[in-house]
C-alpha atoms as a PDB file:
ATOM      1  CA  MET A   1      20.297 -54.663  26.866  1.00  0.00           C
ATOM      2  CA  ASN A   2      16.899 -53.159  27.485  1.00  0.00           C
ATOM      3  CA  ARG A   3      14.530 -54.075  30.478  1.00  0.00           C
ATOM      4  CA  ARG A   4      12.466 -56.447  28.296  1.00  0.00           C
ATOM      5  CA  GLU A   5      15.519 -58.445  27.051  1.00  0.00           C
ATOM      6  CA  MET A   6      16.460 -58.653  30.650  1.00  0.00           C
ATOM      7  CA  LEU A   7      13.280 -59.836  32.009  1.00  0.00           C
ATOM      8  CA  ARG A   8      12.937 -62.452  29.078  1.00  0.00           C
ATOM      9  CA  GLY A   9      16.058 -64.118  30.577  1.00  0.00           C
ATOM     10  CA  THR A  10      14.520 -64.375  34.150  1.00  0.00           C
ATOM     11  CA  GLY A  11      12.179 -67.281  33.335  1.00  0.00           C
ATOM     12  CA  VAL A  12       9.328 -68.678  35.129  1.00  0.00           C
ATOM     13  CA  VAL A  13       9.769 -68.690  38.795  1.00  0.00           C
ATOM     14  CA  ALA A  14       7.894 -70.548  41.328  1.00  0.00           C
ATOM     15  CA  GLY A  15       8.959 -69.843  44.803  1.00  0.00           C
ATOM     16  CA  ALA A  16       7.669 -69.650  48.370  1.00  0.00           C
ATOM     17  CA  ALA A  17       5.160 -67.455  49.637  1.00  0.00           C
ATOM     18  CA  ALA A  18       5.187 -64.062  48.262  1.00  0.00           C
ATOM     19  CA  VAL A  19       7.739 -61.855  49.969  1.00  0.00           C
ATOM     20  CA  LYS A  20       9.649 -58.697  49.237  1.00  0.00           C
ATOM     21  CA  ALA A  21      12.855 -59.578  47.600  1.00  0.00           C
ATOM     22  CA  VAL A  22      16.046 -57.619  47.110  1.00  0.00           C
ATOM     23  CA  ALA A  23      19.124 -57.874  44.769  1.00  0.00           C
ATOM     24  CA  GLN A  24      22.533 -58.107  46.352  1.00  0.00           C
ATOM     25  CA  ASN A  25      25.271 -55.955  44.751  1.00  0.00           C
ATOM     26  CA  SER A  26      29.008 -57.278  44.828  1.00  0.00           C
ATOM     27  CA  SER A  27      29.602 -55.823  48.573  1.00  0.00           C
ATOM     28  CA  GLY A  28      26.529 -57.610  49.779  1.00  0.00           C
ATOM     29  CA  SER A  29      24.338 -54.362  50.312  1.00  0.00           C
ATOM     30  CA  GLU A  30      20.786 -54.480  49.543  1.00  0.00           C
ATOM     31  CA  GLN A  31      19.403 -52.907  46.333  1.00  0.00           C
ATOM     32  CA  PRO A  32      15.836 -52.595  45.459  1.00  0.00           C
ATOM     33  CA  ALA A  33      14.284 -54.620  42.466  1.00  0.00           C
ATOM     34  CA  ARG A  34      14.266 -52.952  39.270  1.00  0.00           C
ATOM     35  CA  LYS A  35      11.226 -50.771  38.693  1.00  0.00           C
ATOM     36  CA  CYS A  36       8.696 -52.149  36.334  1.00  0.00           C
ATOM     37  CA  LYS A  37       5.551 -50.759  34.583  1.00  0.00           C
ATOM     38  CA  ILE A  38       2.181 -52.821  35.184  1.00  0.00           C
ATOM     39  CA  VAL A  39      -1.324 -52.062  33.573  1.00  0.00           C
ATOM     40  CA  VAL A  40      -4.174 -54.067  35.307  1.00  0.00           C
ATOM     41  CA  THR A  41      -7.239 -53.904  33.174  1.00  0.00           C
ATOM     42  CA  GLY A  42     -10.922 -54.018  34.235  1.00  0.00           C
ATOM     43  CA  GLY A  43     -14.207 -53.953  32.892  1.00  0.00           C
ATOM     44  CA  HIS A  44     -15.213 -51.237  35.391  1.00  0.00           C
ATOM     45  CA  PRO A  45     -13.705 -48.903  38.274  1.00  0.00           C
ATOM     46  CA  GLY A  46     -13.426 -51.284  40.986  1.00  0.00           C
ATOM     47  CA  ASP A  47     -12.578 -54.477  39.266  1.00  0.00           C
ATOM     48  CA  PRO A  48      -8.783 -54.354  39.389  1.00  0.00           C
ATOM     49  CA  GLU A  49      -8.933 -53.031  42.907  1.00  0.00           C
ATOM     50  CA  TYR A  50     -11.107 -56.106  44.054  1.00  0.00           C
ATOM     51  CA  GLY A  51      -9.133 -58.754  41.769  1.00  0.00           C
ATOM     52  CA  CYS A  52      -5.617 -57.309  42.333  1.00  0.00           C
ATOM     53  CA  GLY A  53      -5.495 -54.625  45.137  1.00  0.00           C
ATOM     54  CA  GLY A  54      -3.319 -56.272  47.396  1.00  0.00           C
ATOM     55  CA  THR A  55      -0.769 -57.071  44.573  1.00  0.00           C
ATOM     56  CA  ILE A  56      -1.125 -53.757  43.361  1.00  0.00           C
ATOM     57  CA  THR A  57      -0.233 -52.212  46.808  1.00  0.00           C
ATOM     58  CA  ARG A  58       2.655 -54.629  47.147  1.00  0.00           C
ATOM     59  CA  LEU A  59       4.212 -53.503  43.829  1.00  0.00           C
ATOM     60  CA  THR A  60       3.661 -49.672  44.491  1.00  0.00           C
ATOM     61  CA  GLU A  61       5.142 -50.081  47.880  1.00  0.00           C
ATOM     62  CA  VAL A  62       8.526 -50.931  46.203  1.00  0.00           C
ATOM     63  CA  GLY A  63       8.295 -48.303  43.707  1.00  0.00           C
ATOM     64  CA  HIS A  64       6.882 -49.988  40.518  1.00  0.00           C
ATOM     65  CA  GLU A  65       4.564 -47.858  38.341  1.00  0.00           C
ATOM     66  CA  VAL A  66       0.806 -49.356  38.258  1.00  0.00           C
ATOM     67  CA  VAL A  67      -1.918 -47.792  35.885  1.00  0.00           C
ATOM     68  CA  LEU A  68      -5.595 -49.440  36.447  1.00  0.00           C
ATOM     69  CA  LEU A  69      -7.212 -49.355  32.921  1.00  0.00           C
ATOM     70  CA  TYR A  70     -10.666 -49.379  32.995  1.00  0.00           C
ATOM     71  CA  MET A  71     -12.931 -50.371  30.028  1.00  0.00           C
ATOM     72  CA  ASN A  72     -15.449 -47.418  30.844  1.00  0.00           C
ATOM     73  CA  ASP A  73     -16.212 -44.713  33.359  1.00  0.00           C
ATOM     74  CA  GLY A  74     -18.805 -47.042  35.267  1.00  0.00           C
ATOM     75  CA  ALA A  75     -21.723 -44.727  34.836  1.00  0.00           C
ATOM     76  CA  TRP A  76     -25.016 -46.845  35.327  1.00  0.00           C
ATOM     77  CA  GLN A  77     -28.496 -46.038  35.848  1.00  0.00           C
ATOM     78  CA  GLN A  78     -28.661 -43.384  38.803  1.00  0.00           C
ATOM     79  CA  THR A  79     -24.914 -43.474  39.300  1.00  0.00           C
ATOM     80  CA  SER A  80     -23.135 -40.746  37.222  1.00  0.00           C
ATOM     81  CA  ALA A  81     -19.774 -40.952  35.591  1.00  0.00           C
ATOM     82  CA  ALA A  82     -18.571 -38.013  37.844  1.00  0.00           C
ATOM     83  CA  VAL A  83     -19.347 -40.269  40.922  1.00  0.00           C
ATOM     84  CA  ARG A  84     -17.633 -43.205  39.613  1.00  0.00           C
ATOM     85  CA  ILE A  85     -14.383 -41.412  38.300  1.00  0.00           C
ATOM     86  CA  ALA A  86     -14.209 -39.875  41.589  1.00  0.00           C
ATOM     87  CA  GLU A  87     -14.351 -43.121  43.613  1.00  0.00           C
ATOM     88  CA  ALA A  88     -11.740 -44.481  41.164  1.00  0.00           C
ATOM     89  CA  LYS A  89      -9.434 -41.439  41.670  1.00  0.00           C
ATOM     90  CA  LYS A  90      -9.712 -41.994  45.623  1.00  0.00           C
ATOM     91  CA  ALA A  91      -8.947 -46.024  45.036  1.00  0.00           C
ATOM     92  CA  CYS A  92      -6.082 -45.160  43.015  1.00  0.00           C
ATOM     93  CA  GLU A  93      -4.587 -42.779  45.355  1.00  0.00           C
ATOM     94  CA  ILE A  94      -4.997 -45.384  48.157  1.00  0.00           C
ATOM     95  CA  LEU A  95      -3.243 -47.980  46.199  1.00  0.00           C
ATOM     96  CA  LYS A  96      -0.603 -45.316  44.720  1.00  0.00           C
ATOM     97  CA  ALA A  97      -1.881 -46.114  41.158  1.00  0.00           C
ATOM     98  CA  GLN A  98      -2.901 -44.193  38.293  1.00  0.00           C
ATOM     99  CA  PRO A  99      -6.386 -44.517  36.663  1.00  0.00           C
ATOM    100  CA  ALA A 100      -6.654 -44.595  32.706  1.00  0.00           C
ATOM    101  CA  TYR A 101      -9.836 -45.245  30.544  1.00  0.00           C
ATOM    102  CA  ALA A 102     -10.582 -46.998  27.336  1.00  0.00           C
ATOM    103  CA  ASN A 103     -13.585 -44.862  26.835  1.00  0.00           C
ATOM    104  CA  GLN A 104     -16.254 -47.553  26.184  1.00  0.00           C
ATOM    105  CA  ILE A 105     -19.867 -47.464  27.764  1.00  0.00           C
ATOM    106  CA  ASN A 106     -20.927 -49.339  30.747  1.00  0.00           C
ATOM    107  CA  GLY A 107     -22.777 -52.533  29.857  1.00  0.00           C
ATOM    108  CA  HIS A 108     -22.213 -51.765  26.037  1.00  0.00           C
ATOM    109  CA  ALA A 109     -18.732 -53.240  25.192  1.00  0.00           C
ATOM    110  CA  ILE A 110     -17.886 -53.483  21.837  1.00  0.00           C
ATOM    111  CA  VAL A 111     -15.073 -55.896  20.614  1.00  0.00           C
ATOM    112  CA  ASP A 112     -14.427 -55.333  16.744  1.00  0.00           C
ATOM    113  CA  ASN A 113     -11.402 -54.386  14.610  1.00  0.00           C
ATOM    114  CA  ALA A 114     -11.667 -50.855  15.212  1.00  0.00           C
ATOM    115  CA  HIS A 115     -11.640 -51.356  18.945  1.00  0.00           C
ATOM    116  CA  TYR A 116      -8.981 -54.022  18.854  1.00  0.00           C
ATOM    117  CA  GLN A 117      -6.714 -51.165  17.234  1.00  0.00           C
ATOM    118  CA  THR A 118      -8.040 -48.432  19.701  1.00  0.00           C
ATOM    119  CA  PHE A 119      -7.328 -50.841  22.687  1.00  0.00           C
ATOM    120  CA  GLN A 120      -3.862 -51.806  21.300  1.00  0.00           C
ATOM    121  CA  THR A 121      -2.685 -48.192  20.668  1.00  0.00           C
ATOM    122  CA  ILE A 122      -3.508 -47.379  24.412  1.00  0.00           C
ATOM    123  CA  LEU A 123      -1.392 -50.452  25.650  1.00  0.00           C
ATOM    124  CA  GLU A 124       1.454 -49.335  23.165  1.00  0.00           C
ATOM    125  CA  ALA A 125       1.534 -45.868  24.563  1.00  0.00           C
ATOM    126  CA  GLU A 126       1.511 -47.366  28.278  1.00  0.00           C
ATOM    127  CA  ASN A 127       4.446 -49.518  27.107  1.00  0.00           C
ATOM    128  CA  PRO A 128       4.013 -51.941  30.234  1.00  0.00           C
ATOM    129  CA  ASP A 129       6.254 -54.765  31.132  1.00  0.00           C
ATOM    130  CA  ALA A 130       2.947 -56.947  32.339  1.00  0.00           C
ATOM    131  CA  VAL A 131      -0.551 -56.523  31.873  1.00  0.00           C
ATOM    132  CA  PHE A 132      -3.347 -58.163  34.291  1.00  0.00           C
ATOM    133  CA  THR A 133      -6.590 -58.768  32.889  1.00  0.00           C
ATOM    134  CA  HIS A 134      -9.775 -60.511  33.579  1.00  0.00           C
ATOM    135  CA  TRP A 135     -10.471 -64.249  32.952  1.00  0.00           C
ATOM    136  CA  LEU A 136     -11.557 -64.895  29.378  1.00  0.00           C
ATOM    137  CA  ILE A 137     -15.081 -66.558  30.292  1.00  0.00           C
ATOM    138  CA  ASP A 138     -15.861 -64.433  33.159  1.00  0.00           C
ATOM    139  CA  ASN A 139     -19.891 -63.991  33.297  1.00  0.00           C
ATOM    140  CA  HIS A 140     -20.090 -60.148  32.706  1.00  0.00           C
ATOM    141  CA  PRO A 141     -19.639 -59.307  29.147  1.00  0.00           C
ATOM    142  CA  ASP A 142     -17.527 -56.139  29.812  1.00  0.00           C
ATOM    143  CA  HIS A 143     -14.994 -58.429  31.544  1.00  0.00           C
ATOM    144  CA  ARG A 144     -14.947 -60.973  28.650  1.00  0.00           C
ATOM    145  CA  ALA A 145     -14.616 -57.944  26.262  1.00  0.00           C
ATOM    146  CA  ILE A 146     -11.490 -56.325  27.776  1.00  0.00           C
ATOM    147  CA  ALA A 147      -9.909 -59.714  28.225  1.00  0.00           C
ATOM    148  CA  ASN A 148     -10.276 -60.244  24.567  1.00  0.00           C
ATOM    149  CA  LEU A 149      -8.984 -56.779  23.733  1.00  0.00           C
ATOM    150  CA  THR A 150      -6.095 -57.150  25.938  1.00  0.00           C
ATOM    151  CA  TYR A 151      -5.329 -60.635  24.497  1.00  0.00           C
ATOM    152  CA  GLU A 152      -5.323 -59.502  21.058  1.00  0.00           C
ATOM    153  CA  SER A 153      -3.040 -56.537  21.809  1.00  0.00           C
ATOM    154  CA  TRP A 154      -0.628 -59.015  23.612  1.00  0.00           C
ATOM    155  CA  LYS A 155      -0.776 -61.419  20.499  1.00  0.00           C
ATOM    156  CA  GLN A 156      -0.501 -58.373  17.985  1.00  0.00           C
ATOM    157  CA  LEU A 157       2.440 -56.767  19.988  1.00  0.00           C
ATOM    158  CA  LYS A 158       4.189 -59.942  19.755  1.00  0.00           C
ATOM    159  CA  HIS A 159       4.038 -61.125  23.317  1.00  0.00           C
ATOM    160  CA  ARG A 160       6.198 -57.895  24.552  1.00  0.00           C
ATOM    161  CA  PHE A 161       4.444 -57.863  27.711  1.00  0.00           C
ATOM    162  CA  ALA A 162       3.913 -60.665  30.202  1.00  0.00           C
ATOM    163  CA  LEU A 163       0.030 -61.417  30.457  1.00  0.00           C
ATOM    164  CA  TYR A 164      -1.883 -62.646  33.485  1.00  0.00           C
ATOM    165  CA  TYR A 165      -5.486 -63.388  34.294  1.00  0.00           C
ATOM    166  CA  TYR A 166      -7.107 -62.403  37.611  1.00  0.00           C
ATOM    167  CA  GLU A 167     -10.294 -63.391  39.289  1.00  0.00           C
ATOM    168  CA  VAL A 168     -13.111 -61.410  40.986  1.00  0.00           C
ATOM    169  CA  SER A 169     -16.305 -62.400  42.739  1.00  0.00           C
ATOM    170  CA  ASP A 170     -15.835 -66.232  41.995  1.00  0.00           C
ATOM    171  CA  GLY A 171     -19.008 -67.722  41.318  1.00  0.00           C
ATOM    172  CA  GLU A 172     -20.883 -64.440  40.398  1.00  0.00           C
ATOM    173  CA  ASP A 173     -18.157 -62.934  37.752  1.00  0.00           C
ATOM    174  CA  THR A 174     -15.308 -65.348  37.464  1.00  0.00           C
ATOM    175  CA  SER A 175     -16.138 -69.069  36.498  1.00  0.00           C
ATOM    176  CA  GLN A 176     -14.090 -72.030  35.803  1.00  0.00           C
ATOM    177  CA  PHE A 177     -10.866 -70.078  36.688  1.00  0.00           C
ATOM    178  CA  PRO A 178      -7.943 -72.376  35.877  1.00  0.00           C
ATOM    179  CA  THR A 179      -5.545 -73.801  38.622  1.00  0.00           C
ATOM    180  CA  PRO A 180      -3.256 -70.754  39.205  1.00  0.00           C
ATOM    181  CA  THR A 181       0.350 -70.323  38.396  1.00  0.00           C
ATOM    182  CA  HIS A 182       1.162 -67.524  40.954  1.00  0.00           C
ATOM    183  CA  TYR A 183      -0.389 -66.640  44.461  1.00  0.00           C
ATOM    184  CA  VAL A 184       0.877 -63.320  46.217  1.00  0.00           C
ATOM    185  CA  ASP A 185       0.523 -63.429  49.826  1.00  0.00           C
ATOM    186  CA  ILE A 186      -1.520 -60.105  50.526  1.00  0.00           C
ATOM    187  CA  THR A 187      -2.004 -60.689  54.306  1.00  0.00           C
ATOM    188  CA  ASP A 188       0.072 -57.452  55.408  1.00  0.00           C
ATOM    189  CA  VAL A 189      -1.686 -55.209  52.759  1.00  0.00           C
ATOM    190  CA  ALA A 190      -5.235 -56.503  53.153  1.00  0.00           C
ATOM    191  CA  ASP A 191      -6.332 -53.416  55.002  1.00  0.00           C
ATOM    192  CA  THR A 192      -5.091 -51.343  52.044  1.00  0.00           C
ATOM    193  CA  LYS A 193      -6.809 -53.371  49.506  1.00  0.00           C
ATOM    194  CA  LYS A 194     -10.220 -53.099  51.609  1.00  0.00           C
ATOM    195  CA  ALA A 195      -9.998 -49.335  51.732  1.00  0.00           C
ATOM    196  CA  ALA A 196      -9.367 -49.326  47.979  1.00  0.00           C
ATOM    197  CA  CYS A 197     -12.305 -51.268  47.595  1.00  0.00           C
ATOM    198  CA  TYR A 198     -14.613 -49.283  49.945  1.00  0.00           C
ATOM    199  CA  ALA A 199     -13.517 -46.123  48.006  1.00  0.00           C
ATOM    200  CA  HIS A 200     -16.135 -47.324  45.401  1.00  0.00           C
ATOM    201  CA  ALA A 201     -18.948 -46.524  48.001  1.00  0.00           C
ATOM    202  CA  SER A 202     -21.726 -46.524  45.348  1.00  0.00           C
ATOM    203  CA  GLN A 203     -21.009 -50.157  44.403  1.00  0.00           C
ATOM    204  CA  SER A 204     -22.267 -52.010  47.413  1.00  0.00           C
ATOM    205  CA  PRO A 205     -18.658 -52.757  49.074  1.00  0.00           C
ATOM    206  CA  ASP A 206     -20.088 -54.703  52.169  1.00  0.00           C
ATOM    207  CA  TYR A 207     -21.268 -57.362  49.916  1.00  0.00           C
ATOM    208  CA  TYR A 208     -18.742 -57.633  47.152  1.00  0.00           C
ATOM    209  CA  TYR A 209     -15.754 -57.102  49.232  1.00  0.00           C
ATOM    210  CA  GLY A 210     -17.033 -59.942  51.361  1.00  0.00           C
ATOM    211  CA  VAL A 211     -17.221 -62.073  48.301  1.00  0.00           C
ATOM    212  CA  GLN A 212     -13.771 -61.373  47.258  1.00  0.00           C
ATOM    213  CA  ASP A 213     -12.272 -61.544  50.807  1.00  0.00           C
ATOM    214  CA  THR A 214     -13.794 -65.041  50.788  1.00  0.00           C
ATOM    215  CA  VAL A 215     -11.720 -65.784  47.677  1.00  0.00           C
ATOM    216  CA  ALA A 216      -8.740 -64.259  49.145  1.00  0.00           C
ATOM    217  CA  SER A 217      -8.955 -66.547  52.195  1.00  0.00           C
ATOM    218  CA  PHE A 218      -9.344 -69.549  50.334  1.00  0.00           C
ATOM    219  CA  ARG A 219      -6.480 -68.788  47.967  1.00  0.00           C
ATOM    220  CA  GLY A 220      -4.387 -68.204  51.067  1.00  0.00           C
ATOM    221  CA  LEU A 221      -5.283 -71.575  52.464  1.00  0.00           C
ATOM    222  CA  GLN A 222      -4.161 -72.969  49.216  1.00  0.00           C
ATOM    223  CA  SER A 223      -0.772 -71.372  49.172  1.00  0.00           C
ATOM    224  CA  GLY A 224      -0.017 -71.197  52.938  1.00  0.00           C
ATOM    225  CA  SER A 225      -0.793 -67.718  54.080  1.00  0.00           C
ATOM    226  CA  LYS A 226      -3.600 -65.932  55.476  1.00  0.00           C
ATOM    227  CA  LYS A 227      -4.903 -64.239  52.523  1.00  0.00           C
ATOM    228  CA  ALA A 228      -3.656 -64.429  48.982  1.00  0.00           C
ATOM    229  CA  GLU A 229      -4.346 -63.398  45.314  1.00  0.00           C
ATOM    230  CA  ALA A 230      -4.047 -65.908  42.497  1.00  0.00           C
ATOM    231  CA  TYR A 231      -3.139 -65.381  38.899  1.00  0.00           C
ATOM    232  CA  PHE A 232      -2.737 -67.575  35.734  1.00  0.00           C
ATOM    233  CA  LEU A 233       0.139 -66.829  33.390  1.00  0.00           C
ATOM    234  CA  GLN A 234      -0.800 -66.986  29.778  1.00  0.00           C
ATOM    235  CA  LEU A 235       1.098 -69.779  27.914  1.00  0.00           C
ATOM    236  CA  GLY A 236       3.483 -67.987  25.395  1.00  0.00           C
ATOM    237  CA  SER A 237       4.410 -65.164  27.584  1.00  0.00           C
ATOM    238  CA  THR A 238       8.123 -64.942  27.129  1.00  0.00           C
ATOM    239  CA  PHE A 239       9.006 -63.965  30.641  1.00  0.00           C
ATOM    240  CA  ASP A 240       7.549 -63.823  34.142  1.00  0.00           C
ATOM    241  CA  ILE A 241       7.286 -60.212  35.697  1.00  0.00           C
ATOM    242  CA  PHE A 242       7.426 -61.395  39.077  1.00  0.00           C
ATOM    243  CA  PRO A 243      11.050 -61.868  39.733  1.00  0.00           C
ATOM    244  CA  ARG A 244      11.795 -58.492  38.553  1.00  0.00           C
ATOM    245  CA  THR A 245       9.209 -56.751  40.748  1.00  0.00           C
ATOM    246  CA  GLY A 246      10.686 -58.019  43.963  1.00  0.00           C
ATOM    247  CA  LEU A 247       7.414 -60.553  44.418  1.00  0.00           C
ATOM    248  CA  ARG A 248       8.449 -64.294  44.507  1.00  0.00           C
ATOM    249  CA  PRO A 249       5.051 -65.888  44.270  1.00  0.00           C
ATOM    250  CA  ARG A 250       4.079 -69.585  45.175  1.00  0.00           C
END
């Protein structure tokens, strides 16, 4: 039995506030949750960090592999690609994740048959157990583009990975986010998330982190913790990754 067959057998779990979970062997000793591969896609360097930085930290802390797949290198006006790539590298080091790029151009996202196929090829090569992406009607076109590319890959690959949507800068970028299916308590790792967000020093982190921290406080209030990140599981996903990662979200 391969890892995905085992994952499909877990079903969707709705538990208490997110905590580190362990498996028990027959002798009662603790064993770590099985290691999984997670890809978090983002329209730009910084988006996965702001939307999912706490969850990423919790995943990598227990040994799961996480890749941040950016739509583009972030170059824009007076800020060079070299600067943005260096910032992303630093952020990923803080989160213990790996950066990857889909090689599109900031502000000029293309969604067509050729780019659907290219993006699918990237995800096939990564071979993830789960993918997190932007909400499909975010205000920024790059967010919508990578969400559509991700969704189409999920569909064409026959739902072989679990698909989740995340929110970022609600009211400015994310709009009409649905009632979350999952909340992850990030209270204990909020400082790590903040450090990763502030690694993107060229992107006004004082402002944007403040917006996202307000979102985290609101989601914490909803889920019974101080700070949380919220996700929506795509209908039709054949398994829920969280039980196998050791995170049991509300």
